[in-house]
């Protein structure tokens, strides 16, 4: 198992989060109450789920525009502007593979946080009250 996945716990997921469910085969699911249990009604273990990495392909597919080599931006609704610095995601020299996310309203930074996975970006947007459904092309992931 990839080292980066060992810290994902079922408790950190929210309904509507996108994750990989690895049992019985690896596929993308939108986390819900139903996904918390296996086909025998037993709670699934953290080893049966993996986070979906935040990638340039995901950002592009969901309306983020590339500003420079490392920055992506998106206007959400009319009040929110998102800026993501993906340099660490794409650079093997960085030990931490987190991207930095800034959420601006009226030119002021309201939130600055690290994101590495799709569900973490979903959490940050929910905290700010941004209603955005993401698209996932299962061929890319």
N, C-alpha and C. Protein backbone atom coordinates (compact mmCIF):
# COMPACT_ATOMS: atom_id res chain seq x y z
N UNK A 1 0.84 -1.18 0.00
CA UNK A 1 0.00 0.00 0.00
C UNK A 1 0.89 1.24 0.00
N UNK A 2 0.51 2.23 -0.76
CA UNK A 2 1.24 3.48 -0.83
C UNK A 2 1.24 4.15 0.54
N UNK A 3 2.37 4.66 0.97
CA UNK A 3 2.53 5.29 2.28
C UNK A 3 1.53 6.41 2.51
N UNK A 4 1.17 7.14 1.48
CA UNK A 4 0.31 8.30 1.61
C UNK A 4 -1.11 7.92 2.04
N UNK A 5 -1.53 6.69 1.80
CA UNK A 5 -2.90 6.28 2.09
C UNK A 5 -3.09 5.76 3.50
N UNK A 6 -2.04 5.52 4.23
CA UNK A 6 -2.16 4.88 5.53
C UNK A 6 -2.93 5.72 6.54
N UNK A 7 -3.00 7.02 6.37
CA UNK A 7 -3.64 7.87 7.35
C UNK A 7 -5.12 8.12 7.09
N UNK A 8 -5.68 7.61 6.00
CA UNK A 8 -7.09 7.85 5.72
C UNK A 8 -7.94 7.00 6.65
N UNK A 9 -8.80 7.68 7.39
CA UNK A 9 -9.70 6.99 8.30
C UNK A 9 -11.12 7.27 7.87
N UNK A 10 -11.96 6.30 8.06
CA UNK A 10 -13.37 6.45 7.69
C UNK A 10 -13.97 7.66 8.40
N UNK A 11 -13.54 7.91 9.63
CA UNK A 11 -14.11 9.00 10.43
C UNK A 11 -13.86 10.39 9.83
N UNK A 12 -12.85 10.52 8.97
CA UNK A 12 -12.57 11.84 8.41
C UNK A 12 -13.38 12.13 7.15
N UNK A 13 -14.15 11.17 6.70
CA UNK A 13 -14.94 11.36 5.49
C UNK A 13 -16.31 11.93 5.81
N UNK A 14 -16.85 12.69 4.87
CA UNK A 14 -18.18 13.26 4.98
C UNK A 14 -19.03 12.70 3.85
N UNK A 15 -20.32 12.65 4.06
CA UNK A 15 -21.23 12.18 3.01
C UNK A 15 -21.02 13.07 1.79
N UNK A 16 -20.87 12.43 0.64
CA UNK A 16 -20.67 13.15 -0.62
C UNK A 16 -19.21 13.21 -1.05
N UNK A 17 -18.27 12.81 -0.19
CA UNK A 17 -16.86 12.80 -0.55
C UNK A 17 -16.60 11.72 -1.60
N UNK A 18 -15.71 12.04 -2.54
CA UNK A 18 -15.29 11.04 -3.52
C UNK A 18 -14.04 10.33 -3.01
N UNK A 19 -14.07 9.01 -3.02
CA UNK A 19 -12.93 8.19 -2.62
C UNK A 19 -12.90 6.95 -3.51
N UNK A 20 -11.77 6.25 -3.48
CA UNK A 20 -11.70 4.94 -4.09
C UNK A 20 -12.16 3.92 -3.07
N UNK A 21 -13.02 3.03 -3.47
CA UNK A 21 -13.34 1.86 -2.65
C UNK A 21 -12.59 0.70 -3.29
N UNK A 22 -11.77 0.03 -2.52
CA UNK A 22 -10.85 -0.96 -3.10
C UNK A 22 -11.36 -2.38 -3.02
N UNK A 23 -12.48 -2.60 -2.32
CA UNK A 23 -12.99 -3.96 -2.20
C UNK A 23 -14.39 -4.03 -2.79
N UNK A 24 -14.75 -4.97 -3.60
CA UNK A 24 -13.95 -6.10 -4.08
C UNK A 24 -13.02 -5.73 -5.23
N UNK A 25 -13.24 -4.60 -5.88
CA UNK A 25 -12.31 -4.10 -6.89
C UNK A 25 -12.24 -2.58 -6.74
N UNK A 26 -11.17 -1.98 -7.25
CA UNK A 26 -10.96 -0.54 -7.07
C UNK A 26 -11.90 0.24 -7.98
N UNK A 27 -12.71 1.09 -7.37
CA UNK A 27 -13.64 1.93 -8.12
C UNK A 27 -13.95 3.20 -7.31
N UNK A 28 -14.41 4.23 -8.00
CA UNK A 28 -14.73 5.51 -7.35
C UNK A 28 -16.15 5.45 -6.81
N UNK A 29 -16.31 5.92 -5.58
CA UNK A 29 -17.64 6.02 -5.00
C UNK A 29 -17.81 7.40 -4.39
N UNK A 30 -19.05 7.82 -4.30
CA UNK A 30 -19.39 9.01 -3.54
C UNK A 30 -19.78 8.50 -2.17
N UNK A 31 -19.00 8.86 -1.15
CA UNK A 31 -19.16 8.30 0.19
C UNK A 31 -20.56 8.58 0.71
N UNK A 32 -21.20 7.56 1.21
CA UNK A 32 -22.54 7.69 1.78
C UNK A 32 -22.69 6.67 2.89
N UNK A 33 -23.82 6.70 3.55
CA UNK A 33 -24.07 5.75 4.62
C UNK A 33 -23.97 4.32 4.08
N UNK A 34 -24.45 4.09 2.89
CA UNK A 34 -24.42 2.75 2.28
C UNK A 34 -22.97 2.28 2.11
N UNK A 35 -22.06 3.19 1.74
CA UNK A 35 -20.67 2.81 1.48
C UNK A 35 -19.91 2.47 2.75
N UNK A 36 -20.49 2.71 3.91
CA UNK A 36 -19.79 2.44 5.16
C UNK A 36 -19.76 0.95 5.51
N UNK A 37 -20.53 0.15 4.78
CA UNK A 37 -20.65 -1.26 5.11
C UNK A 37 -20.35 -2.13 3.90
N UNK A 38 -19.81 -3.31 4.14
CA UNK A 38 -19.56 -4.23 3.04
C UNK A 38 -20.86 -4.99 2.71
N UNK A 39 -20.78 -5.90 1.76
CA UNK A 39 -21.98 -6.61 1.31
C UNK A 39 -22.58 -7.51 2.39
N UNK A 40 -21.84 -7.76 3.47
CA UNK A 40 -22.35 -8.58 4.57
C UNK A 40 -22.82 -7.72 5.75
N UNK A 41 -22.86 -6.41 5.57
CA UNK A 41 -23.33 -5.52 6.61
C UNK A 41 -22.30 -5.16 7.66
N UNK A 42 -21.05 -5.56 7.45
CA UNK A 42 -19.98 -5.23 8.40
C UNK A 42 -19.40 -3.86 8.04
N UNK A 43 -19.03 -3.06 9.05
CA UNK A 43 -18.39 -1.77 8.73
C UNK A 43 -17.10 -2.01 7.95
N UNK A 44 -16.86 -1.19 6.93
CA UNK A 44 -15.64 -1.39 6.15
C UNK A 44 -14.46 -0.80 6.91
N UNK A 45 -13.32 -1.35 6.66
CA UNK A 45 -12.10 -0.89 7.32
C UNK A 45 -11.45 0.19 6.47
N UNK A 46 -10.59 0.99 7.10
CA UNK A 46 -9.87 2.03 6.38
C UNK A 46 -9.03 1.47 5.25
N UNK A 47 -8.62 0.21 5.38
CA UNK A 47 -7.81 -0.39 4.32
C UNK A 47 -8.61 -0.62 3.04
N UNK A 48 -9.94 -0.56 3.13
CA UNK A 48 -10.79 -0.79 1.97
C UNK A 48 -11.11 0.48 1.19
N UNK A 49 -10.59 1.61 1.65
CA UNK A 49 -10.81 2.87 0.94
C UNK A 49 -9.49 3.60 0.78
N UNK A 50 -9.40 4.37 -0.29
CA UNK A 50 -8.21 5.20 -0.55
C UNK A 50 -8.68 6.57 -1.03
N UNK A 51 -7.95 7.61 -0.67
CA UNK A 51 -8.30 8.94 -1.17
C UNK A 51 -7.94 9.06 -2.65
N UNK A 52 -8.61 9.95 -3.34
CA UNK A 52 -8.32 10.22 -4.74
C UNK A 52 -7.36 11.41 -4.78
N UNK A 53 -6.17 11.23 -5.33
CA UNK A 53 -5.20 12.34 -5.36
C UNK A 53 -5.72 13.52 -6.19
N UNK A 54 -5.41 14.71 -5.73
CA UNK A 54 -5.72 15.93 -6.48
C UNK A 54 -4.71 16.04 -7.61
N UNK A 55 -5.17 16.10 -8.83
CA UNK A 55 -4.28 16.15 -9.99
C UNK A 55 -4.62 17.34 -10.88
N UNK A 56 -3.69 17.68 -11.75
CA UNK A 56 -3.96 18.74 -12.73
C UNK A 56 -5.14 18.38 -13.61
N UNK A 57 -5.27 17.10 -13.97
CA UNK A 57 -6.38 16.66 -14.81
C UNK A 57 -7.72 16.88 -14.11
N UNK A 58 -7.77 16.58 -12.82
CA UNK A 58 -9.00 16.80 -12.05
C UNK A 58 -9.35 18.28 -12.03
N UNK A 59 -8.36 19.13 -11.73
CA UNK A 59 -8.61 20.58 -11.66
C UNK A 59 -9.13 21.10 -12.99
N UNK A 60 -8.49 20.71 -14.08
CA UNK A 60 -8.91 21.17 -15.40
C UNK A 60 -10.33 20.71 -15.73
N UNK A 61 -10.64 19.46 -15.42
CA UNK A 61 -11.95 18.90 -15.71
C UNK A 61 -13.05 19.64 -14.94
N UNK A 62 -12.69 20.24 -13.81
CA UNK A 62 -13.68 20.89 -12.96
C UNK A 62 -13.63 22.41 -13.02
N UNK A 63 -13.14 22.92 -14.14
CA UNK A 63 -13.25 24.35 -14.41
C UNK A 63 -12.15 25.22 -13.86
N UNK A 64 -11.12 24.64 -13.27
CA UNK A 64 -9.99 25.45 -12.83
C UNK A 64 -9.15 25.83 -14.05
N UNK A 65 -8.66 27.04 -14.07
CA UNK A 65 -7.84 27.53 -15.18
C UNK A 65 -6.40 27.65 -14.71
N UNK A 66 -5.50 27.26 -15.58
CA UNK A 66 -4.07 27.33 -15.26
C UNK A 66 -3.61 28.77 -15.44
N UNK A 67 -3.07 29.36 -14.37
CA UNK A 67 -2.59 30.73 -14.43
C UNK A 67 -1.13 30.77 -14.82
N UNK A 68 -0.32 30.02 -14.11
CA UNK A 68 1.10 29.89 -14.40
C UNK A 68 1.43 28.41 -14.30
N UNK A 69 2.70 28.10 -14.32
CA UNK A 69 3.11 26.70 -14.24
C UNK A 69 2.63 26.01 -12.97
N UNK A 70 2.49 26.77 -11.89
CA UNK A 70 2.13 26.13 -10.63
C UNK A 70 0.80 26.55 -10.04
N UNK A 71 0.16 27.58 -10.56
CA UNK A 71 -1.08 28.08 -9.97
C UNK A 71 -2.30 27.77 -10.83
N UNK A 72 -3.37 27.33 -10.18
CA UNK A 72 -4.67 27.13 -10.81
C UNK A 72 -5.66 28.04 -10.11
N UNK A 73 -6.64 28.57 -10.83
CA UNK A 73 -7.63 29.43 -10.19
C UNK A 73 -9.02 29.13 -10.73
N UNK A 74 -10.02 29.48 -9.93
CA UNK A 74 -11.41 29.26 -10.32
C UNK A 74 -12.28 30.26 -9.59
N UNK A 75 -13.22 30.85 -10.32
CA UNK A 75 -14.24 31.71 -9.73
C UNK A 75 -15.42 30.81 -9.40
N UNK A 76 -15.82 30.76 -8.14
CA UNK A 76 -16.96 29.95 -7.71
C UNK A 76 -18.09 30.86 -7.27
N UNK A 77 -19.25 30.61 -7.82
CA UNK A 77 -20.39 31.46 -7.56
C UNK A 77 -19.93 32.88 -7.88
N UNK A 78 -20.47 33.87 -7.25
CA UNK A 78 -19.98 35.22 -7.59
C UNK A 78 -19.04 35.80 -6.55
N UNK A 79 -19.02 35.20 -5.37
CA UNK A 79 -18.25 35.78 -4.27
C UNK A 79 -16.89 35.14 -4.01
N UNK A 80 -16.68 33.93 -4.48
CA UNK A 80 -15.50 33.19 -4.09
C UNK A 80 -14.55 32.97 -5.25
N UNK A 81 -13.26 33.16 -4.97
CA UNK A 81 -12.22 32.84 -5.94
C UNK A 81 -11.25 31.88 -5.26
N UNK A 82 -10.97 30.78 -5.92
CA UNK A 82 -10.05 29.77 -5.40
C UNK A 82 -8.72 29.87 -6.12
N UNK A 83 -7.65 29.71 -5.38
CA UNK A 83 -6.30 29.69 -5.95
C UNK A 83 -5.59 28.48 -5.36
N UNK A 84 -5.05 27.63 -6.21
CA UNK A 84 -4.35 26.44 -5.75
C UNK A 84 -2.94 26.46 -6.31
N UNK A 85 -1.97 26.30 -5.40
CA UNK A 85 -0.56 26.19 -5.77
C UNK A 85 -0.21 24.71 -5.77
N UNK A 86 0.01 24.15 -6.95
CA UNK A 86 0.24 22.71 -7.08
C UNK A 86 1.72 22.35 -7.22
N UNK A 87 2.62 23.28 -6.95
CA UNK A 87 4.04 22.99 -7.13
C UNK A 87 4.47 21.75 -6.35
N UNK A 88 4.05 21.62 -5.11
CA UNK A 88 4.46 20.48 -4.29
C UNK A 88 3.87 19.17 -4.81
N UNK A 89 2.67 19.22 -5.38
CA UNK A 89 2.05 18.00 -5.91
C UNK A 89 2.87 17.43 -7.05
N UNK A 90 3.45 18.30 -7.85
CA UNK A 90 4.10 17.88 -9.09
C UNK A 90 5.62 17.77 -8.99
N UNK A 91 6.18 18.07 -7.83
CA UNK A 91 7.63 18.12 -7.71
C UNK A 91 8.12 17.01 -6.79
N UNK A 92 8.89 16.10 -7.30
CA UNK A 92 9.38 14.97 -6.53
C UNK A 92 10.36 15.37 -5.43
N UNK A 93 10.88 16.59 -5.47
CA UNK A 93 11.83 17.04 -4.46
C UNK A 93 11.15 17.40 -3.15
N UNK A 94 9.84 17.67 -3.20
CA UNK A 94 9.11 18.05 -1.99
C UNK A 94 8.76 16.81 -1.19
N UNK A 95 9.05 16.84 0.10
CA UNK A 95 8.68 15.71 0.95
C UNK A 95 7.16 15.70 1.15
N UNK A 96 6.60 16.83 1.47
CA UNK A 96 5.15 16.95 1.62
C UNK A 96 4.55 17.17 0.24
N UNK A 97 3.53 16.41 -0.08
CA UNK A 97 2.92 16.51 -1.40
C UNK A 97 1.60 17.28 -1.37
N UNK A 98 1.45 18.17 -0.40
CA UNK A 98 0.22 18.95 -0.29
C UNK A 98 0.26 20.16 -1.23
N UNK A 99 -0.89 20.48 -1.80
CA UNK A 99 -1.04 21.74 -2.51
C UNK A 99 -1.56 22.76 -1.50
N UNK A 100 -1.32 24.02 -1.75
CA UNK A 100 -1.87 25.07 -0.90
C UNK A 100 -3.11 25.63 -1.58
N UNK A 101 -4.18 25.78 -0.83
CA UNK A 101 -5.43 26.33 -1.33
C UNK A 101 -5.73 27.63 -0.59
N UNK A 102 -6.02 28.67 -1.35
CA UNK A 102 -6.49 29.92 -0.78
C UNK A 102 -7.90 30.17 -1.31
N UNK A 103 -8.78 30.63 -0.43
CA UNK A 103 -10.13 31.03 -0.84
C UNK A 103 -10.26 32.51 -0.53
N UNK A 104 -10.56 33.29 -1.57
CA UNK A 104 -10.68 34.74 -1.44
C UNK A 104 -12.13 35.18 -1.60
N UNK A 105 -12.53 36.16 -0.80
CA UNK A 105 -13.79 36.86 -1.02
C UNK A 105 -13.48 38.34 -0.99
N UNK A 106 -13.95 39.04 -1.98
CA UNK A 106 -13.70 40.49 -2.10
C UNK A 106 -12.23 40.85 -1.93
N UNK A 107 -11.34 40.01 -2.46
CA UNK A 107 -9.92 40.29 -2.42
C UNK A 107 -9.22 39.91 -1.12
N UNK A 108 -9.97 39.45 -0.12
CA UNK A 108 -9.38 39.06 1.16
C UNK A 108 -9.30 37.55 1.25
N UNK A 109 -8.21 37.06 1.81
CA UNK A 109 -8.03 35.63 1.99
C UNK A 109 -8.84 35.18 3.21
N UNK A 110 -9.85 34.37 2.98
CA UNK A 110 -10.71 33.88 4.06
C UNK A 110 -10.27 32.52 4.59
N UNK A 111 -9.55 31.77 3.75
CA UNK A 111 -9.13 30.43 4.15
C UNK A 111 -7.83 30.09 3.43
N UNK A 112 -6.90 29.53 4.18
CA UNK A 112 -5.65 29.00 3.61
C UNK A 112 -5.44 27.64 4.24
N UNK A 113 -5.33 26.62 3.41
CA UNK A 113 -5.19 25.27 3.94
C UNK A 113 -4.42 24.40 2.96
N UNK A 114 -3.98 23.26 3.43
CA UNK A 114 -3.30 22.30 2.57
C UNK A 114 -4.31 21.27 2.08
N UNK A 115 -4.20 20.90 0.82
CA UNK A 115 -5.04 19.85 0.25
C UNK A 115 -4.16 18.94 -0.58
N UNK A 116 -4.43 17.66 -0.50
CA UNK A 116 -3.70 16.67 -1.30
C UNK A 116 -4.68 15.79 -2.07
N UNK A 117 -5.89 15.68 -1.55
CA UNK A 117 -6.87 14.77 -2.12
C UNK A 117 -8.17 15.48 -2.44
N UNK A 118 -8.95 14.88 -3.31
CA UNK A 118 -10.21 15.46 -3.74
C UNK A 118 -11.14 15.71 -2.55
N UNK A 119 -11.23 14.76 -1.62
CA UNK A 119 -12.16 14.95 -0.50
C UNK A 119 -11.73 16.12 0.40
N UNK A 120 -10.44 16.43 0.47
CA UNK A 120 -9.99 17.57 1.27
C UNK A 120 -10.40 18.89 0.60
N UNK A 121 -10.34 18.94 -0.72
CA UNK A 121 -10.83 20.13 -1.44
C UNK A 121 -12.34 20.26 -1.24
N UNK A 122 -13.06 19.15 -1.27
CA UNK A 122 -14.50 19.19 -1.02
C UNK A 122 -14.79 19.74 0.38
N UNK A 123 -14.02 19.32 1.39
CA UNK A 123 -14.23 19.81 2.76
C UNK A 123 -13.99 21.31 2.84
N UNK A 124 -12.91 21.79 2.25
CA UNK A 124 -12.59 23.22 2.31
C UNK A 124 -13.70 24.05 1.66
N UNK A 125 -14.21 23.56 0.56
CA UNK A 125 -15.27 24.31 -0.13
C UNK A 125 -16.56 24.30 0.70
N UNK A 126 -16.86 23.19 1.34
CA UNK A 126 -18.06 23.13 2.20
C UNK A 126 -17.93 24.09 3.38
N UNK A 127 -16.74 24.14 3.98
CA UNK A 127 -16.52 25.05 5.11
C UNK A 127 -16.82 26.49 4.71
N UNK A 128 -16.47 26.85 3.48
CA UNK A 128 -16.68 28.22 3.00
C UNK A 128 -18.09 28.43 2.46
N UNK A 129 -18.89 27.37 2.43
CA UNK A 129 -20.27 27.50 1.93
C UNK A 129 -20.35 27.50 0.43
N UNK A 130 -19.33 27.00 -0.24
CA UNK A 130 -19.32 26.95 -1.70
C UNK A 130 -19.99 25.66 -2.14
N UNK A 131 -21.06 25.81 -2.89
CA UNK A 131 -21.79 24.64 -3.37
C UNK A 131 -21.30 24.30 -4.76
N UNK A 132 -20.51 23.26 -4.85
CA UNK A 132 -19.93 22.86 -6.14
C UNK A 132 -19.89 21.35 -6.20
N UNK A 133 -20.49 20.81 -7.23
CA UNK A 133 -20.41 19.38 -7.48
C UNK A 133 -19.22 19.14 -8.40
N UNK A 134 -18.41 18.17 -8.08
CA UNK A 134 -17.25 17.85 -8.90
C UNK A 134 -17.58 16.73 -9.87
N UNK A 135 -16.87 16.74 -10.97
CA UNK A 135 -16.97 15.66 -11.95
C UNK A 135 -15.69 14.85 -11.88
N UNK A 136 -15.86 13.56 -12.00
CA UNK A 136 -14.71 12.66 -12.05
C UNK A 136 -14.82 11.80 -13.29
N UNK A 137 -13.83 11.88 -14.13
CA UNK A 137 -13.76 11.01 -15.29
C UNK A 137 -13.05 9.75 -14.86
N UNK A 138 -13.79 8.66 -14.78
CA UNK A 138 -13.23 7.44 -14.24
C UNK A 138 -12.10 6.88 -15.10
N UNK A 139 -11.97 7.34 -16.33
CA UNK A 139 -10.87 6.89 -17.18
C UNK A 139 -9.55 7.53 -16.74
N UNK A 140 -9.62 8.75 -16.19
CA UNK A 140 -8.41 9.45 -15.74
C UNK A 140 -7.94 8.87 -14.41
N UNK A 141 -8.87 8.54 -13.55
CA UNK A 141 -8.53 8.11 -12.21
C UNK A 141 -8.53 6.62 -12.15
